[in-house]
Amino acid sequence: MRNHLLQGLLAIALIGASRGQAPASKPIPRTAEGKPDFQGFWTVPYVPNMAQGKEDSVPYTDRGRAAFQNHDSKDDPTSFCWYPGVPRIMQSPYPVQIVQTPEYFVILFEYMRLWRAVPLNGRPHPPNMEPSFMGDSTGHWEGDTLVVDTTNLKDAPWTWLDTAGHQHSDVLHVIERFERRPDNIAYEYTVDDPKMYSKPWTLQRTITPLKFNPALGELIEYSCTENNKDVQHLISNKPNAKP
């Protein structure tokens, strides 16, 4: 009798212990090749100011600080419908679609119907490439983390780092790291520009699944036409600017 009682108490204790255990972590989605699967529609967090209220923490050089302090918001390159560049496009308030193959990581942007097709073979950047708005990107895997390296980007006045007016030079080098989590993407990017910043400037964001609106498509049309006629109405925000 006593043995049956002890066995019953032990069984109850084991059930209670199992209920108190944390649930097993949810696995991340993977492709048929076993790589983390980033495919789907995503919301990229809008970050108009990379400093996010911590301007004193920005590792400026003297040139970088002067460029930020003397910029004029009416000169924002995107007001002329120019492509935002990297990393700014990854901080814009528009959804994206990611398409992934063993050879390419493709980001389709609602913003101006742009795309980034990143080869995943770690190939070197083209020598003597003419700088462009979106630059040249090449990717490789570090374990389960996708690393994207981008160079050959146009500098001011063609592109800024963000809406707040943080600037970059012609030697800008951007390193992005994408880590797939069960329910989102951990996104980290580093701005490496020794002319404007005394050390690499690294920030983290979380990319979340897009919440669908049944009245809209996943990505809708976005048109911005160069030679914007409204630019003449923009108002300078420089303290010494004349009206």
Protein backbone atom coordinates (compact mmCIF):
# COMPACT_ATOMS: atom_id res chain seq x y z
CA MET A 1 0.00 0.00 0.00
CA ARG A 2 2.77 2.35 0.97
CA ASN A 3 4.63 1.65 -2.31
CA HIS A 4 1.53 2.47 -4.38
CA LEU A 5 1.12 5.73 -2.44
CA LEU A 6 4.74 6.73 -3.03
CA GLN A 7 4.48 5.93 -6.73
CA GLY A 8 1.35 8.07 -7.02
CA LEU A 9 2.97 11.02 -5.27
CA LEU A 10 6.05 10.70 -7.49
CA ALA A 11 3.89 10.72 -10.64
CA ILE A 12 2.05 13.86 -9.47
CA ALA A 13 5.38 15.55 -8.74
CA LEU A 14 6.74 14.71 -12.20
CA ILE A 15 3.59 16.08 -13.89
CA GLY A 16 3.85 19.29 -11.90
CA ALA A 17 7.52 19.66 -12.78
CA SER A 18 6.86 19.16 -16.49
CA ARG A 19 4.12 21.80 -16.43
CA GLY A 20 6.50 24.26 -14.83
CA GLN A 21 9.15 23.87 -17.52
CA ALA A 22 9.62 26.58 -20.12
CA PRO A 23 8.28 25.55 -23.54
CA ALA A 24 10.84 24.40 -26.06
CA SER A 25 12.13 27.24 -28.23
CA LYS A 26 10.42 27.58 -31.58
CA PRO A 27 12.69 26.61 -34.49
CA ILE A 28 13.46 29.12 -37.20
CA PRO A 29 12.14 28.42 -40.70
CA ARG A 30 14.71 26.93 -43.05
CA THR A 31 15.02 26.42 -46.78
CA ALA A 32 15.35 23.05 -48.47
CA GLU A 33 19.11 23.62 -48.36
CA GLY A 34 19.01 24.11 -44.59
CA LYS A 35 19.70 27.86 -44.61
CA PRO A 36 17.55 30.27 -42.56
CA ASP A 37 14.50 31.19 -44.63
CA PHE A 38 13.87 34.95 -44.83
CA GLN A 39 11.20 34.76 -47.52
CA GLY A 40 7.96 36.65 -47.06
CA PHE A 41 6.55 40.14 -46.65
CA TRP A 42 8.03 42.33 -43.95
CA THR A 43 7.65 45.71 -42.27
CA VAL A 44 10.90 47.64 -42.05
CA PRO A 45 10.96 50.02 -39.06
CA TYR A 46 11.00 53.69 -40.03
CA VAL A 47 14.07 55.35 -38.54
CA PRO A 48 14.19 59.00 -39.63
CA ASN A 49 17.05 59.76 -37.23
CA MET A 50 19.78 57.17 -36.72
CA ALA A 51 20.92 58.94 -33.54
CA GLN A 52 17.41 58.58 -32.05
CA GLY A 53 17.83 61.40 -29.57
CA LYS A 54 21.41 60.46 -28.64
CA GLU A 55 23.26 62.90 -30.85
CA ASP A 56 26.13 63.12 -28.36
CA SER A 57 26.85 59.42 -28.92
CA VAL A 58 27.41 59.76 -32.68
CA PRO A 59 31.15 59.15 -33.30
CA TYR A 60 31.69 62.13 -35.58
CA THR A 61 34.89 63.35 -37.09
CA ASP A 62 35.10 67.14 -37.31
CA ARG A 63 34.03 66.92 -40.94
CA GLY A 64 31.08 64.67 -40.14
CA ARG A 65 29.83 66.90 -37.34
CA ALA A 66 30.10 70.03 -39.49
CA ALA A 67 28.22 68.35 -42.34
CA PHE A 68 25.35 67.42 -40.04
CA GLN A 69 25.17 70.77 -38.28
CA ASN A 70 25.19 72.70 -41.55
CA HIS A 71 22.78 70.58 -43.57
CA ASP A 72 19.46 72.05 -44.70
CA SER A 73 16.35 69.86 -44.59
CA LYS A 74 15.02 71.33 -47.82
CA ASP A 75 18.01 69.77 -49.58
CA ASP A 76 16.98 66.22 -48.64
CA PRO A 77 17.88 64.18 -51.74
CA THR A 78 14.66 62.18 -51.60
CA SER A 79 12.66 65.38 -52.14
CA PHE A 80 14.12 65.30 -55.66
CA CYS A 81 12.92 61.69 -56.04
CA TRP A 82 16.47 60.36 -56.00
CA TYR A 83 16.97 56.82 -54.73
CA PRO A 84 17.65 56.79 -50.97
CA GLY A 85 20.76 54.61 -51.02
CA VAL A 86 21.99 52.17 -48.39
CA PRO A 87 21.35 52.05 -45.47
CA ARG A 88 18.60 54.66 -45.76
CA ILE A 89 16.31 52.46 -47.83
CA MET A 90 16.39 49.92 -44.98
CA GLN A 91 15.00 52.60 -42.66
CA SER A 92 12.15 53.83 -44.84
CA PRO A 93 8.47 53.41 -43.86
CA TYR A 94 7.44 51.03 -46.63
CA PRO A 95 7.08 47.23 -46.64
CA VAL A 96 9.36 44.83 -48.49
CA GLN A 97 9.24 41.34 -49.92
CA ILE A 98 12.22 39.01 -49.59
CA VAL A 99 12.82 36.32 -52.19
CA GLN A 100 15.62 33.86 -51.52
CA THR A 101 17.43 31.26 -53.61
CA PRO A 102 20.69 29.42 -52.98
CA GLU A 103 22.41 31.99 -55.22
CA TYR A 104 20.63 35.26 -54.40
CA PHE A 105 19.00 37.20 -51.56
CA VAL A 106 16.53 39.59 -53.19
CA ILE A 107 14.75 42.46 -51.42
CA LEU A 108 11.82 43.97 -53.33
CA PHE A 109 10.87 47.41 -52.02
CA GLU A 110 7.51 49.11 -52.25
CA TYR A 111 9.55 52.33 -52.05
CA MET A 112 9.88 53.50 -55.66
CA ARG A 113 9.60 49.87 -56.83
CA LEU A 114 13.31 49.33 -56.14
CA TRP A 115 15.12 46.07 -55.55
CA ARG A 116 18.40 44.73 -54.22
CA ALA A 117 19.64 41.46 -55.70
CA VAL A 118 22.51 40.31 -53.49
CA PRO A 119 24.66 37.41 -54.74
CA LEU A 120 25.48 34.95 -51.96
CA ASN A 121 28.85 33.74 -53.21
CA GLY A 122 30.85 36.47 -51.46
CA ARG A 123 32.20 37.73 -54.77
CA PRO A 124 34.44 40.83 -54.63
CA HIS A 125 33.12 44.26 -55.55
CA PRO A 126 33.80 45.32 -59.16
CA PRO A 127 37.04 47.31 -59.42
CA ASN A 128 36.71 50.96 -60.48
CA MET A 129 32.93 50.83 -60.39
CA GLU A 130 31.19 54.16 -60.91
CA PRO A 131 29.44 55.11 -57.63
CA SER A 132 25.68 54.61 -57.74
CA PHE A 133 22.69 55.36 -55.54
CA MET A 134 22.34 51.78 -54.29
CA GLY A 135 25.99 50.79 -54.63
CA ASP A 136 27.23 47.25 -55.09
CA SER A 137 26.23 44.56 -52.58
CA THR A 138 27.66 41.11 -52.07
CA GLY A 139 26.65 38.55 -49.45
CA HIS A 140 27.92 35.49 -47.63
CA TRP A 141 26.87 33.27 -44.75
CA GLU A 142 28.50 33.27 -41.33
CA GLY A 143 26.79 30.28 -39.78
CA ASP A 144 23.09 31.17 -39.75
CA THR A 145 23.73 34.90 -40.17
CA LEU A 146 23.58 36.49 -43.60
CA VAL A 147 26.19 39.23 -44.00
CA VAL A 148 25.77 41.80 -46.80
CA ASP A 149 28.64 44.10 -47.73
CA THR A 150 27.93 47.27 -49.76
CA THR A 151 30.34 49.82 -51.27
CA ASN A 152 30.56 52.21 -54.26
CA LEU A 153 27.76 54.46 -53.02
CA LYS A 154 27.08 58.02 -54.13
CA ASP A 155 27.64 60.59 -51.38
CA ALA A 156 26.08 64.01 -50.77
CA PRO A 157 24.31 65.74 -52.39
CA TRP A 158 22.92 62.54 -53.90
CA THR A 159 22.23 60.55 -50.74
CA TRP A 160 22.06 61.01 -46.98
CA LEU A 161 22.13 58.34 -44.28
CA ASP A 162 18.73 59.36 -42.91
CA THR A 163 15.98 61.98 -42.98
CA ALA A 164 17.61 63.87 -40.09
CA GLY A 165 20.52 64.76 -42.35
CA HIS A 166 23.40 62.61 -41.15
CA GLN A 167 25.90 62.64 -43.98
CA HIS A 168 28.40 60.23 -45.48
CA SER A 169 31.34 60.49 -47.85
CA ASP A 170 32.49 58.69 -50.97
CA VAL A 171 34.24 55.98 -48.90
CA LEU A 172 31.07 54.78 -47.17
CA HIS A 173 31.11 51.05 -46.50
CA VAL A 174 27.95 49.43 -45.08
CA ILE A 175 27.92 46.00 -43.43
CA GLU A 176 24.48 44.46 -42.76
CA ARG A 177 23.74 41.34 -40.73
CA PHE A 178 20.41 39.50 -41.06
CA GLU A 179 19.55 36.92 -38.41
CA ARG A 180 16.32 34.93 -38.77
CA ARG A 181 14.34 34.47 -35.59
CA PRO A 182 11.19 32.34 -35.25
CA ASP A 183 8.87 35.35 -35.59
CA ASN A 184 10.99 38.21 -37.00
CA ILE A 185 14.39 39.23 -38.35
CA ALA A 186 17.14 40.75 -36.23
CA TYR A 187 18.80 43.37 -38.44
CA GLU A 188 22.11 45.04 -37.64
CA TYR A 189 23.96 47.50 -39.82
CA THR A 190 27.30 49.23 -39.50
CA VAL A 191 28.25 52.51 -41.17
CA ASP A 192 32.00 52.51 -41.75
CA ASP A 193 33.09 55.90 -43.07
CA PRO A 194 36.40 57.16 -41.61
CA LYS A 195 36.04 60.54 -43.28
CA MET A 196 32.80 61.29 -41.41
CA TYR A 197 32.88 59.02 -38.34
CA SER A 198 35.83 58.29 -36.08
CA LYS A 199 34.83 54.65 -35.71
CA PRO A 200 32.22 52.34 -37.24
CA TRP A 201 28.68 53.27 -36.18
CA THR A 202 26.52 50.19 -35.51
CA LEU A 203 22.76 50.07 -34.93
CA GLN A 204 20.19 47.29 -34.45
CA ARG A 205 16.59 47.02 -35.61
CA THR A 206 13.86 44.36 -35.71
CA ILE A 207 12.09 43.61 -39.00
CA THR A 208 8.59 42.24 -38.37
CA PRO A 209 6.05 40.37 -40.53
CA LEU A 210 3.77 42.59 -42.59
CA LYS A 211 0.21 42.89 -41.31
CA PHE A 212 -1.91 42.42 -44.39
CA ASN A 213 -4.74 44.72 -45.34
CA PRO A 214 -7.38 42.80 -47.35
CA ALA A 215 -8.18 45.96 -49.30
CA LEU A 216 -4.62 46.29 -50.59
CA GLY A 217 -1.99 44.16 -52.25
CA GLU A 218 1.06 43.12 -50.30
CA LEU A 219 3.14 45.79 -52.04
CA ILE A 220 1.38 48.67 -53.74
CA GLU A 221 2.64 51.06 -56.40
CA TYR A 222 4.84 53.93 -55.31
CA SER A 223 5.74 56.54 -57.89
CA CYS A 224 8.12 59.44 -57.35
CA THR A 225 9.05 61.34 -60.47
CA GLU A 226 12.28 63.29 -60.81
CA ASN A 227 11.95 67.03 -61.40
CA ASN A 228 9.51 67.37 -58.50
CA LYS A 229 7.65 70.66 -59.06
CA ASP A 230 6.97 71.16 -55.35
CA VAL A 231 10.64 71.46 -54.34
CA GLN A 232 10.48 75.24 -54.81
CA HIS A 233 8.01 75.44 -51.93
CA LEU A 234 10.29 73.75 -49.38
CA ILE A 235 11.40 76.09 -46.61
CA SER A 236 14.98 76.30 -45.35
CA ASN A 237 15.58 75.45 -41.69
CA LYS A 238 19.04 77.02 -41.47
CA PRO A 239 19.15 79.69 -38.74
CA ASN A 240 20.70 82.30 -41.02
CA ALA A 241 18.68 81.50 -44.11
CA LYS A 242 16.73 84.36 -45.66
CA PRO A 243 13.06 83.78 -46.55
